[in-house]
């Protein structure tokens, strides 16, 4: 399966992000804790150099805890601040304000020396599609979210979100990079739902997932579906179709229905806490 998806608006979004970068102090980048490397946009490193960086490992409730800890160490070694969270349930959210202040302490101290008091930290929130940016912003802002109006140099109509007296957020559209040079990155993004399912072959995608689970998480398929993992991925999918009564008219197995079931149960966490890539790789 070949993965390629880069809507035209994303090119425009990247250009806008380059302009907005001049106005901000901190880049808050959301990644999916199940694929922390592949869910990063490599453009961000280039766009955000010289800026303080905070990586939020979102959906940590769905990821393997040992691997999340290993990825946290990996990103900290690169000079980034890291917080793991689940923006939907607010887990980890209470730490973020303190970490934002810590990440920007040099900027705050510089302002103080210049006699500038109470200028809020301006943070840009970035991340690829479906990584939970909107949920994070809404959870962080809460009901007290107020818009602070347009800023000089920002495209007319753009609004900053004032969280409190210390922090303002600038949201950005989710952007993927123009092409996936490593098709495995495309596969992993497809598995977590960052590429639209409508343009994917879900049957093939489920076979790829079954293959990864067989290799990295032996016993998960057996426990969830009571199927032998000694078979090929296609045979396992057929067994899952039988066990879950995925049948068409004429009592024929409905492989597509079984495939969609496996993908959905992975994405929702019903297969357990699963990370699909590891720092050591």
C-alpha atoms as a PDB file:
ATOM      1  CA  UNK A   1       0.000   0.000   0.000  1.00  0.00           C
ATOM      2  CA  UNK A   2       1.362   3.430  -0.956  1.00  0.00           C
ATOM      3  CA  UNK A   3       0.656   6.372   1.348  1.00  0.00           C
ATOM      4  CA  UNK A   4       0.407   9.896  -0.014  1.00  0.00           C
ATOM      5  CA  UNK A   5      -1.797  12.662   1.355  1.00  0.00           C
ATOM      6  CA  UNK A   6      -1.084  16.371   1.346  1.00  0.00           C
ATOM      7  CA  UNK A   7      -4.135  18.602   0.801  1.00  0.00           C
ATOM      8  CA  UNK A   8      -3.383  21.967  -0.806  1.00  0.00           C
ATOM      9  CA  UNK A   9      -4.381  23.962   2.264  1.00  0.00           C
ATOM     10  CA  UNK A  10      -1.453  22.442   4.128  1.00  0.00           C
ATOM     11  CA  UNK A  11       1.063  24.208   1.874  1.00  0.00           C
ATOM     12  CA  UNK A  12      -0.617  27.504   2.710  1.00  0.00           C
ATOM     13  CA  UNK A  13      -0.674  26.577   6.416  1.00  0.00           C
ATOM     14  CA  UNK A  14       3.077  25.945   6.418  1.00  0.00           C
ATOM     15  CA  UNK A  15       3.786  29.358   4.845  1.00  0.00           C
ATOM     16  CA  UNK A  16       1.545  31.019   7.430  1.00  0.00           C
ATOM     17  CA  UNK A  17       3.321  29.148  10.215  1.00  0.00           C
ATOM     18  CA  UNK A  18       6.676  30.524   9.027  1.00  0.00           C
ATOM     19  CA  UNK A  19       5.281  34.049   9.343  1.00  0.00           C
ATOM     20  CA  UNK A  20       3.680  33.451  12.734  1.00  0.00           C
ATOM     21  CA  UNK A  21       6.861  31.923  14.141  1.00  0.00           C
ATOM     22  CA  UNK A  22       8.326  35.441  14.403  1.00  0.00           C
ATOM     23  CA  UNK A  23       5.651  36.358  16.941  1.00  0.00           C
ATOM     24  CA  UNK A  24       5.939  33.479  19.382  1.00  0.00           C
ATOM     25  CA  UNK A  25       8.158  32.394  22.273  1.00  0.00           C
ATOM     26  CA  UNK A  26       7.328  28.705  22.548  1.00  0.00           C
ATOM     27  CA  UNK A  27       6.291  25.901  20.201  1.00  0.00           C
ATOM     28  CA  UNK A  28       3.985  23.342  21.799  1.00  0.00           C
ATOM     29  CA  UNK A  29       4.007  20.251  19.590  1.00  0.00           C
ATOM     30  CA  UNK A  30       1.495  17.472  20.108  1.00  0.00           C
ATOM     31  CA  UNK A  31       2.525  13.964  19.094  1.00  0.00           C
ATOM     32  CA  UNK A  32       0.647  10.704  19.398  1.00  0.00           C
ATOM     33  CA  UNK A  33       2.250   8.666  22.190  1.00  0.00           C
ATOM     34  CA  UNK A  34       1.679   5.468  20.184  1.00  0.00           C
ATOM     35  CA  UNK A  35       3.953   6.711  17.370  1.00  0.00           C
ATOM     36  CA  UNK A  36       5.952   9.608  18.885  1.00  0.00           C
ATOM     37  CA  UNK A  37       8.507   9.813  16.076  1.00  0.00           C
ATOM     38  CA  UNK A  38       6.279   9.250  13.044  1.00  0.00           C
ATOM     39  CA  UNK A  39       3.596  11.639  14.322  1.00  0.00           C
ATOM     40  CA  UNK A  40       6.070  14.532  14.360  1.00  0.00           C
ATOM     41  CA  UNK A  41       6.304  16.809  11.359  1.00  0.00           C
ATOM     42  CA  UNK A  42      10.011  17.135  10.479  1.00  0.00           C
ATOM     43  CA  UNK A  43       9.285  20.618   9.083  1.00  0.00           C
ATOM     44  CA  UNK A  44       8.678  21.808  12.646  1.00  0.00           C
ATOM     45  CA  UNK A  45      12.316  21.318  13.683  1.00  0.00           C
ATOM     46  CA  UNK A  46      13.434  23.654  10.902  1.00  0.00           C
ATOM     47  CA  UNK A  47      10.616  26.172  11.396  1.00  0.00           C
ATOM     48  CA  UNK A  48      11.001  26.306  15.178  1.00  0.00           C
ATOM     49  CA  UNK A  49      14.758  26.384  15.637  1.00  0.00           C
ATOM     50  CA  UNK A  50      15.794  29.041  18.157  1.00  0.00           C
ATOM     51  CA  UNK A  51      12.409  28.665  19.914  1.00  0.00           C
ATOM     52  CA  UNK A  52      11.705  26.948  23.217  1.00  0.00           C
ATOM     53  CA  UNK A  53      10.078  23.558  22.607  1.00  0.00           C
ATOM     54  CA  UNK A  54       7.490  21.571  24.535  1.00  0.00           C
ATOM     55  CA  UNK A  55       6.417  18.154  23.281  1.00  0.00           C
ATOM     56  CA  UNK A  56       3.087  16.856  24.548  1.00  0.00           C
ATOM     57  CA  UNK A  57       2.768  13.093  24.221  1.00  0.00           C
ATOM     58  CA  UNK A  58      -0.997  12.944  23.844  1.00  0.00           C
ATOM     59  CA  UNK A  59      -3.147   9.812  24.065  1.00  0.00           C
ATOM     60  CA  UNK A  60      -0.610   8.394  26.524  1.00  0.00           C
ATOM     61  CA  UNK A  61      -3.500   6.374  27.995  1.00  0.00           C
ATOM     62  CA  UNK A  62      -3.443   4.272  24.792  1.00  0.00           C
ATOM     63  CA  UNK A  63       0.337   3.767  24.676  1.00  0.00           C
ATOM     64  CA  UNK A  64       2.707   1.331  26.371  1.00  0.00           C
ATOM     65  CA  UNK A  65       3.921   3.032  29.549  1.00  0.00           C
ATOM     66  CA  UNK A  66       7.498   1.731  29.383  1.00  0.00           C
ATOM     67  CA  UNK A  67       7.873   2.964  25.815  1.00  0.00           C
ATOM     68  CA  UNK A  68       6.352   6.349  26.716  1.00  0.00           C
ATOM     69  CA  UNK A  69       9.028   6.725  29.408  1.00  0.00           C
ATOM     70  CA  UNK A  70      11.733   5.771  26.892  1.00  0.00           C
ATOM     71  CA  UNK A  71      10.440   8.333  24.375  1.00  0.00           C
ATOM     72  CA  UNK A  72      10.320  11.012  27.086  1.00  0.00           C
ATOM     73  CA  UNK A  73      14.027  10.427  27.749  1.00  0.00           C
ATOM     74  CA  UNK A  74      14.728  10.501  23.996  1.00  0.00           C
ATOM     75  CA  UNK A  75      13.067  13.911  23.467  1.00  0.00           C
ATOM     76  CA  UNK A  76      14.595  15.456  26.599  1.00  0.00           C
ATOM     77  CA  UNK A  77      18.045  14.577  25.299  1.00  0.00           C
ATOM     78  CA  UNK A  78      17.197  16.719  22.256  1.00  0.00           C
ATOM     79  CA  UNK A  79      16.580  19.720  24.511  1.00  0.00           C
ATOM     80  CA  UNK A  80      12.790  19.554  24.539  1.00  0.00           C
ATOM     81  CA  UNK A  81      10.498  19.732  27.536  1.00  0.00           C
ATOM     82  CA  UNK A  82       8.097  16.786  27.598  1.00  0.00           C
ATOM     83  CA  UNK A  83       4.709  16.138  29.209  1.00  0.00           C
ATOM     84  CA  UNK A  84       2.625  13.004  28.708  1.00  0.00           C
ATOM     85  CA  UNK A  85      -1.109  13.542  28.787  1.00  0.00           C
ATOM     86  CA  UNK A  86      -4.574  12.459  27.809  1.00  0.00           C
ATOM     87  CA  UNK A  87      -6.268  15.703  26.824  1.00  0.00           C
ATOM     88  CA  UNK A  88      -9.731  14.102  26.823  1.00  0.00           C
ATOM     89  CA  UNK A  89      -9.644  13.177  30.504  1.00  0.00           C
ATOM     90  CA  UNK A  90      -7.355  16.071  31.535  1.00  0.00           C
ATOM     91  CA  UNK A  91      -4.708  13.607  32.782  1.00  0.00           C
ATOM     92  CA  UNK A  92      -1.387  15.476  32.840  1.00  0.00           C
ATOM     93  CA  UNK A  93      -2.956  18.878  32.122  1.00  0.00           C
ATOM     94  CA  UNK A  94      -2.250  20.354  35.560  1.00  0.00           C
ATOM     95  CA  UNK A  95       1.503  20.189  34.921  1.00  0.00           C
ATOM     96  CA  UNK A  96       1.474  22.118  31.673  1.00  0.00           C
ATOM     97  CA  UNK A  97       1.348  25.696  32.943  1.00  0.00           C
ATOM     98  CA  UNK A  98       4.391  25.145  35.175  1.00  0.00           C
ATOM     99  CA  UNK A  99       6.324  23.494  32.336  1.00  0.00           C
ATOM    100  CA  UNK A 100       5.446  26.355  29.943  1.00  0.00           C
ATOM    101  CA  UNK A 101       6.808  28.855  32.482  1.00  0.00           C
ATOM    102  CA  UNK A 102       9.952  26.770  32.987  1.00  0.00           C
ATOM    103  CA  UNK A 103      10.535  26.435  29.221  1.00  0.00           C
ATOM    104  CA  UNK A 104      10.261  30.219  28.804  1.00  0.00           C
ATOM    105  CA  UNK A 105      12.103  31.336  31.947  1.00  0.00           C
ATOM    106  CA  UNK A 106      14.970  32.851  29.909  1.00  0.00           C
ATOM    107  CA  UNK A 107      12.507  34.922  27.866  1.00  0.00           C
ATOM    108  CA  UNK A 108      10.666  36.017  31.041  1.00  0.00           C
ATOM    109  CA  UNK A 109      13.980  37.000  32.682  1.00  0.00           C
ATOM    110  CA  UNK A 110      15.034  38.903  29.531  1.00  0.00           C
ATOM    111  CA  UNK A 111      11.753  40.847  29.599  1.00  0.00           C
ATOM    112  CA  UNK A 112      12.228  41.636  33.280  1.00  0.00           C
ATOM    113  CA  UNK A 113      15.723  43.038  32.666  1.00  0.00           C
ATOM    114  CA  UNK A 114      14.310  45.272  29.937  1.00  0.00           C
ATOM    115  CA  UNK A 115      11.597  46.532  32.260  1.00  0.00           C
ATOM    116  CA  UNK A 116       8.831  44.667  30.409  1.00  0.00           C
ATOM    117  CA  UNK A 117       6.410  43.301  32.967  1.00  0.00           C
ATOM    118  CA  UNK A 118       3.473  40.940  32.607  1.00  0.00           C
ATOM    119  CA  UNK A 119       3.869  40.272  28.879  1.00  0.00           C
ATOM    120  CA  UNK A 120       2.305  36.823  28.434  1.00  0.00           C
ATOM    121  CA  UNK A 121       4.190  33.935  26.894  1.00  0.00           C
ATOM    122  CA  UNK A 122       2.974  33.456  23.327  1.00  0.00           C
ATOM    123  CA  UNK A 123       2.837  29.814  22.334  1.00  0.00           C
ATOM    124  CA  UNK A 124       2.058  28.219  18.981  1.00  0.00           C
ATOM    125  CA  UNK A 125       0.322  24.844  19.105  1.00  0.00           C
ATOM    126  CA  UNK A 126       1.333  22.535  16.264  1.00  0.00           C
ATOM    127  CA  UNK A 127       0.689  18.942  15.336  1.00  0.00           C
ATOM    128  CA  UNK A 128      -0.357  16.659  12.507  1.00  0.00           C
ATOM    129  CA  UNK A 129      -4.070  15.950  11.900  1.00  0.00           C
ATOM    130  CA  UNK A 130      -5.995  13.898  14.445  1.00  0.00           C
ATOM    131  CA  UNK A 131      -3.373  14.132  17.157  1.00  0.00           C
ATOM    132  CA  UNK A 132      -5.750  15.952  19.540  1.00  0.00           C
ATOM    133  CA  UNK A 133      -4.789  19.616  19.130  1.00  0.00           C
ATOM    134  CA  UNK A 134      -8.313  21.005  19.390  1.00  0.00           C
ATOM    135  CA  UNK A 135      -9.140  18.825  22.383  1.00  0.00           C
ATOM    136  CA  UNK A 136      -5.949  19.959  24.100  1.00  0.00           C
ATOM    137  CA  UNK A 137      -6.619  23.665  23.454  1.00  0.00           C
ATOM    138  CA  UNK A 138     -10.237  23.422  24.623  1.00  0.00           C
ATOM    139  CA  UNK A 139      -9.222  21.481  27.733  1.00  0.00           C
ATOM    140  CA  UNK A 140      -6.324  23.837  28.507  1.00  0.00           C
ATOM    141  CA  UNK A 141      -8.435  26.943  27.974  1.00  0.00           C
ATOM    142  CA  UNK A 142     -11.560  25.642  29.674  1.00  0.00           C
ATOM    143  CA  UNK A 143     -14.759  27.678  29.629  1.00  0.00           C
ATOM    144  CA  UNK A 144     -12.842  30.846  30.524  1.00  0.00           C
ATOM    145  CA  UNK A 145     -11.253  30.915  27.048  1.00  0.00           C
ATOM    146  CA  UNK A 146     -11.205  34.518  25.767  1.00  0.00           C
ATOM    147  CA  UNK A 147      -9.916  35.862  22.489  1.00  0.00           C
ATOM    148  CA  UNK A 148      -7.417  38.681  22.775  1.00  0.00           C
ATOM    149  CA  UNK A 149      -7.910  40.184  19.336  1.00  0.00           C
ATOM    150  CA  UNK A 150      -5.677  40.497  16.305  1.00  0.00           C
ATOM    151  CA  UNK A 151      -1.965  41.029  16.671  1.00  0.00           C
ATOM    152  CA  UNK A 152       0.179  43.182  14.374  1.00  0.00           C
ATOM    153  CA  UNK A 153       1.661  41.201  11.530  1.00  0.00           C
ATOM    154  CA  UNK A 154      -0.912  38.436  11.761  1.00  0.00           C
ATOM    155  CA  UNK A 155      -3.299  37.691   8.921  1.00  0.00           C
ATOM    156  CA  UNK A 156      -6.512  39.636   9.415  1.00  0.00           C
ATOM    157  CA  UNK A 157      -9.074  37.643  11.320  1.00  0.00           C
ATOM    158  CA  UNK A 158      -6.598  35.454  13.163  1.00  0.00           C
ATOM    159  CA  UNK A 159      -7.285  35.302  16.877  1.00  0.00           C
ATOM    160  CA  UNK A 160      -5.069  34.504  19.810  1.00  0.00           C
ATOM    161  CA  UNK A 161      -6.597  32.536  22.677  1.00  0.00           C
ATOM    162  CA  UNK A 162      -5.850  34.011  26.070  1.00  0.00           C
ATOM    163  CA  UNK A 163      -5.622  31.246  28.642  1.00  0.00           C
ATOM    164  CA  UNK A 164      -4.672  33.375  31.641  1.00  0.00           C
ATOM    165  CA  UNK A 165      -2.534  36.417  32.378  1.00  0.00           C
ATOM    166  CA  UNK A 166       0.605  34.408  31.647  1.00  0.00           C
ATOM    167  CA  UNK A 167      -0.115  32.501  28.430  1.00  0.00           C
ATOM    168  CA  UNK A 168      -1.639  33.152  24.997  1.00  0.00           C
ATOM    169  CA  UNK A 169      -2.052  30.382  22.435  1.00  0.00           C
ATOM    170  CA  UNK A 170      -2.023  30.534  18.654  1.00  0.00           C
ATOM    171  CA  UNK A 171      -3.647  27.559  16.995  1.00  0.00           C
ATOM    172  CA  UNK A 172      -2.460  26.251  13.610  1.00  0.00           C
ATOM    173  CA  UNK A 173      -4.019  23.805  11.148  1.00  0.00           C
ATOM    174  CA  UNK A 174      -2.672  20.281  11.315  1.00  0.00           C
ATOM    175  CA  UNK A 175      -0.058  19.752   8.617  1.00  0.00           C
ATOM    176  CA  UNK A 176       1.499  16.616   7.227  1.00  0.00           C
ATOM    177  CA  UNK A 177       4.701  16.734   5.244  1.00  0.00           C
ATOM    178  CA  UNK A 178       4.494  16.759   1.413  1.00  0.00           C
ATOM    179  CA  UNK A 179       5.498  13.132   0.903  1.00  0.00           C
ATOM    180  CA  UNK A 180       6.358  10.202   3.075  1.00  0.00           C
ATOM    181  CA  UNK A 181       9.899   9.260   2.120  1.00  0.00           C
ATOM    182  CA  UNK A 182       9.610   6.323   4.484  1.00  0.00           C
ATOM    183  CA  UNK A 183       6.413   4.461   3.690  1.00  0.00           C
ATOM    184  CA  UNK A 184       6.432   2.930   7.169  1.00  0.00           C
ATOM    185  CA  UNK A 185       5.772   6.411   8.547  1.00  0.00           C
ATOM    186  CA  UNK A 186       2.727   6.561   6.257  1.00  0.00           C
ATOM    187  CA  UNK A 187       1.583   3.165   7.505  1.00  0.00           C
ATOM    188  CA  UNK A 188       1.825   4.181  11.162  1.00  0.00           C
ATOM    189  CA  UNK A 189      -0.014   7.463  10.532  1.00  0.00           C
ATOM    190  CA  UNK A 190      -2.747   5.537   8.726  1.00  0.00           C
ATOM    191  CA  UNK A 191      -3.075   3.121  11.634  1.00  0.00           C
ATOM    192  CA  UNK A 192      -3.724   5.880  14.204  1.00  0.00           C
ATOM    193  CA  UNK A 193      -6.186   7.691  11.899  1.00  0.00           C
ATOM    194  CA  UNK A 194      -4.124  10.704  10.757  1.00  0.00           C
ATOM    195  CA  UNK A 195      -4.796   9.855   7.094  1.00  0.00           C
ATOM    196  CA  UNK A 196      -8.415   9.706   6.005  1.00  0.00           C
ATOM    197  CA  UNK A 197      -9.736   6.145   6.036  1.00  0.00           C
ATOM    198  CA  UNK A 198     -11.697   6.854   2.845  1.00  0.00           C
ATOM    199  CA  UNK A 199      -8.492   6.899   0.790  1.00  0.00           C
ATOM    200  CA  UNK A 200      -6.999   3.797   2.423  1.00  0.00           C
ATOM    201  CA  UNK A 201      -7.370   0.066   1.894  1.00  0.00           C
ATOM    202  CA  UNK A 202      -8.564  -0.903   5.390  1.00  0.00           C
ATOM    203  CA  UNK A 203      -8.260  -4.625   4.647  1.00  0.00           C
ATOM    204  CA  UNK A 204      -4.537  -4.257   3.889  1.00  0.00           C
ATOM    205  CA  UNK A 205      -4.093  -1.877   6.815  1.00  0.00           C
ATOM    206  CA  UNK A 206      -5.520  -4.432   9.242  1.00  0.00           C
ATOM    207  CA  UNK A 207      -3.155  -7.122   7.934  1.00  0.00           C
ATOM    208  CA  UNK A 208      -0.215  -4.792   8.573  1.00  0.00           C
ATOM    209  CA  UNK A 209      -1.470  -4.165  12.124  1.00  0.00           C
ATOM    210  CA  UNK A 210      -1.936  -7.890  12.770  1.00  0.00           C
ATOM    211  CA  UNK A 211       1.622  -8.493  11.550  1.00  0.00           C
ATOM    212  CA  UNK A 212       3.011  -5.818  13.945  1.00  0.00           C
ATOM    213  CA  UNK A 213       1.001  -7.205  16.861  1.00  0.00           C
ATOM    214  CA  UNK A 214       2.221 -10.737  16.177  1.00  0.00           C
ATOM    215  CA  UNK A 215       5.829  -9.536  16.239  1.00  0.00           C
ATOM    216  CA  UNK A 216       5.784  -6.947  19.043  1.00  0.00           C
ATOM    217  CA  UNK A 217       2.836  -7.914  21.247  1.00  0.00           C
ATOM    218  CA  UNK A 218       2.589 -11.685  21.206  1.00  0.00           C
ATOM    219  CA  UNK A 219      -0.564 -12.895  22.949  1.00  0.00           C
ATOM    220  CA  UNK A 220      -2.702  -9.792  22.370  1.00  0.00           C
ATOM    221  CA  UNK A 221      -4.659 -11.279  19.448  1.00  0.00           C
ATOM    222  CA  UNK A 222      -5.055 -14.594  21.237  1.00  0.00           C
ATOM    223  CA  UNK A 223      -6.392 -12.887  24.340  1.00  0.00           C
ATOM    224  CA  UNK A 224      -8.775 -10.531  22.536  1.00  0.00           C
ATOM    225  CA  UNK A 225     -10.095 -12.785  19.777  1.00  0.00           C
ATOM    226  CA  UNK A 226      -9.165 -16.325  20.870  1.00  0.00           C
ATOM    227  CA  UNK A 227      -7.275 -16.948  17.618  1.00  0.00           C
ATOM    228  CA  UNK A 228      -3.979 -18.767  17.087  1.00  0.00           C
ATOM    229  CA  UNK A 229      -1.101 -16.388  16.299  1.00  0.00           C
ATOM    230  CA  UNK A 230       0.804 -19.164  14.515  1.00  0.00           C
ATOM    231  CA  UNK A 231      -1.142 -18.404  11.315  1.00  0.00           C
ATOM    232  CA  UNK A 232      -0.571 -15.805   8.602  1.00  0.00           C
ATOM    233  CA  UNK A 233      -2.154 -12.363   9.110  1.00  0.00           C
ATOM    234  CA  UNK A 234      -4.774 -13.194   6.443  1.00  0.00           C
ATOM    235  CA  UNK A 235      -5.678 -16.436   8.203  1.00  0.00           C
ATOM    236  CA  UNK A 236      -5.871 -14.639  11.539  1.00  0.00           C
ATOM    237  CA  UNK A 237      -8.213 -12.028  10.020  1.00  0.00           C
ATOM    238  CA  UNK A 238     -10.410 -14.851   8.712  1.00  0.00           C
ATOM    239  CA  UNK A 239     -10.496 -16.406  12.180  1.00  0.00           C
ATOM    240  CA  UNK A 240     -11.454 -13.052  13.708  1.00  0.00           C
ATOM    241  CA  UNK A 241     -14.256 -12.735  11.142  1.00  0.00           C
ATOM    242  CA  UNK A 242     -15.586 -16.144  12.239  1.00  0.00           C
ATOM    243  CA  UNK A 243     -15.254 -15.441  15.962  1.00  0.00           C
ATOM    244  CA  UNK A 244     -16.962 -12.046  15.686  1.00  0.00           C
ATOM    245  CA  UNK A 245     -19.653 -13.238  13.310  1.00  0.00           C
ATOM    246  CA  UNK A 246     -18.570 -10.942  10.463  1.00  0.00           C
ATOM    247  CA  UNK A 247     -20.512 -12.589   7.634  1.00  0.00           C
ATOM    248  CA  UNK A 248     -22.191 -11.482   4.411  1.00  0.00           C
ATOM    249  CA  UNK A 249     -25.262 -12.890   2.728  1.00  0.00           C
ATOM    250  CA  UNK A 250     -24.756 -16.518   1.861  1.00  0.00           C
ATOM    251  CA  UNK A 251     -22.765 -17.067   5.061  1.00  0.00           C
ATOM    252  CA  UNK A 252     -19.590 -15.785   3.414  1.00  0.00           C
ATOM    253  CA  UNK A 253     -16.946 -14.272   5.699  1.00  0.00           C
ATOM    254  CA  UNK A 254     -16.886 -10.475   5.627  1.00  0.00           C
ATOM    255  CA  UNK A 255     -13.158  -9.729   5.782  1.00  0.00           C
ATOM    256  CA  UNK A 256     -13.687  -5.982   5.385  1.00  0.00           C
ATOM    257  CA  UNK A 257     -15.969  -5.824   8.408  1.00  0.00           C
ATOM    258  CA  UNK A 258     -13.445  -7.810  10.469  1.00  0.00           C
ATOM    259  CA  UNK A 259     -10.617  -5.558   9.244  1.00  0.00           C
ATOM    260  CA  UNK A 260     -12.494  -2.394  10.288  1.00  0.00           C
ATOM    261  CA  UNK A 261     -13.217  -4.004  13.677  1.00  0.00           C
ATOM    262  CA  UNK A 262      -9.525  -4.741  14.347  1.00  0.00           C
ATOM    263  CA  UNK A 263      -8.470  -1.187  13.381  1.00  0.00           C
ATOM    264  CA  UNK A 264     -11.207   0.384  15.521  1.00  0.00           C
ATOM    265  CA  UNK A 265     -10.359  -1.770  18.538  1.00  0.00           C
ATOM    266  CA  UNK A 266      -6.690  -0.824  18.263  1.00  0.00           C
ATOM    267  CA  UNK A 267      -7.473   2.899  17.978  1.00  0.00           C
ATOM    268  CA  UNK A 268      -9.875   2.846  20.930  1.00  0.00           C
ATOM    269  CA  UNK A 269      -7.462   0.963  23.187  1.00  0.00           C
ATOM    270  CA  UNK A 270      -9.519  -2.225  23.424  1.00  0.00           C
ATOM    271  CA  UNK A 271      -6.471  -4.253  22.356  1.00  0.00           C
ATOM    272  CA  UNK A 272      -4.499  -2.808  25.271  1.00  0.00           C
ATOM    273  CA  UNK A 273      -1.804  -0.142  25.669  1.00  0.00           C
ATOM    274  CA  UNK A 274       0.174  -0.438  22.436  1.00  0.00           C
ATOM    275  CA  UNK A 275       3.072   1.642  21.095  1.00  0.00           C
ATOM    276  CA  UNK A 276       3.959   0.897  17.485  1.00  0.00           C
ATOM    277  CA  UNK A 277       7.519   2.281  17.342  1.00  0.00           C
ATOM    278  CA  UNK A 278      10.412   2.357  19.755  1.00  0.00           C
ATOM    279  CA  UNK A 279      13.319   4.773  20.397  1.00  0.00           C
ATOM    280  CA  UNK A 280      15.850   1.972  19.938  1.00  0.00           C
ATOM    281  CA  UNK A 281      14.716   1.597  16.327  1.00  0.00           C
END
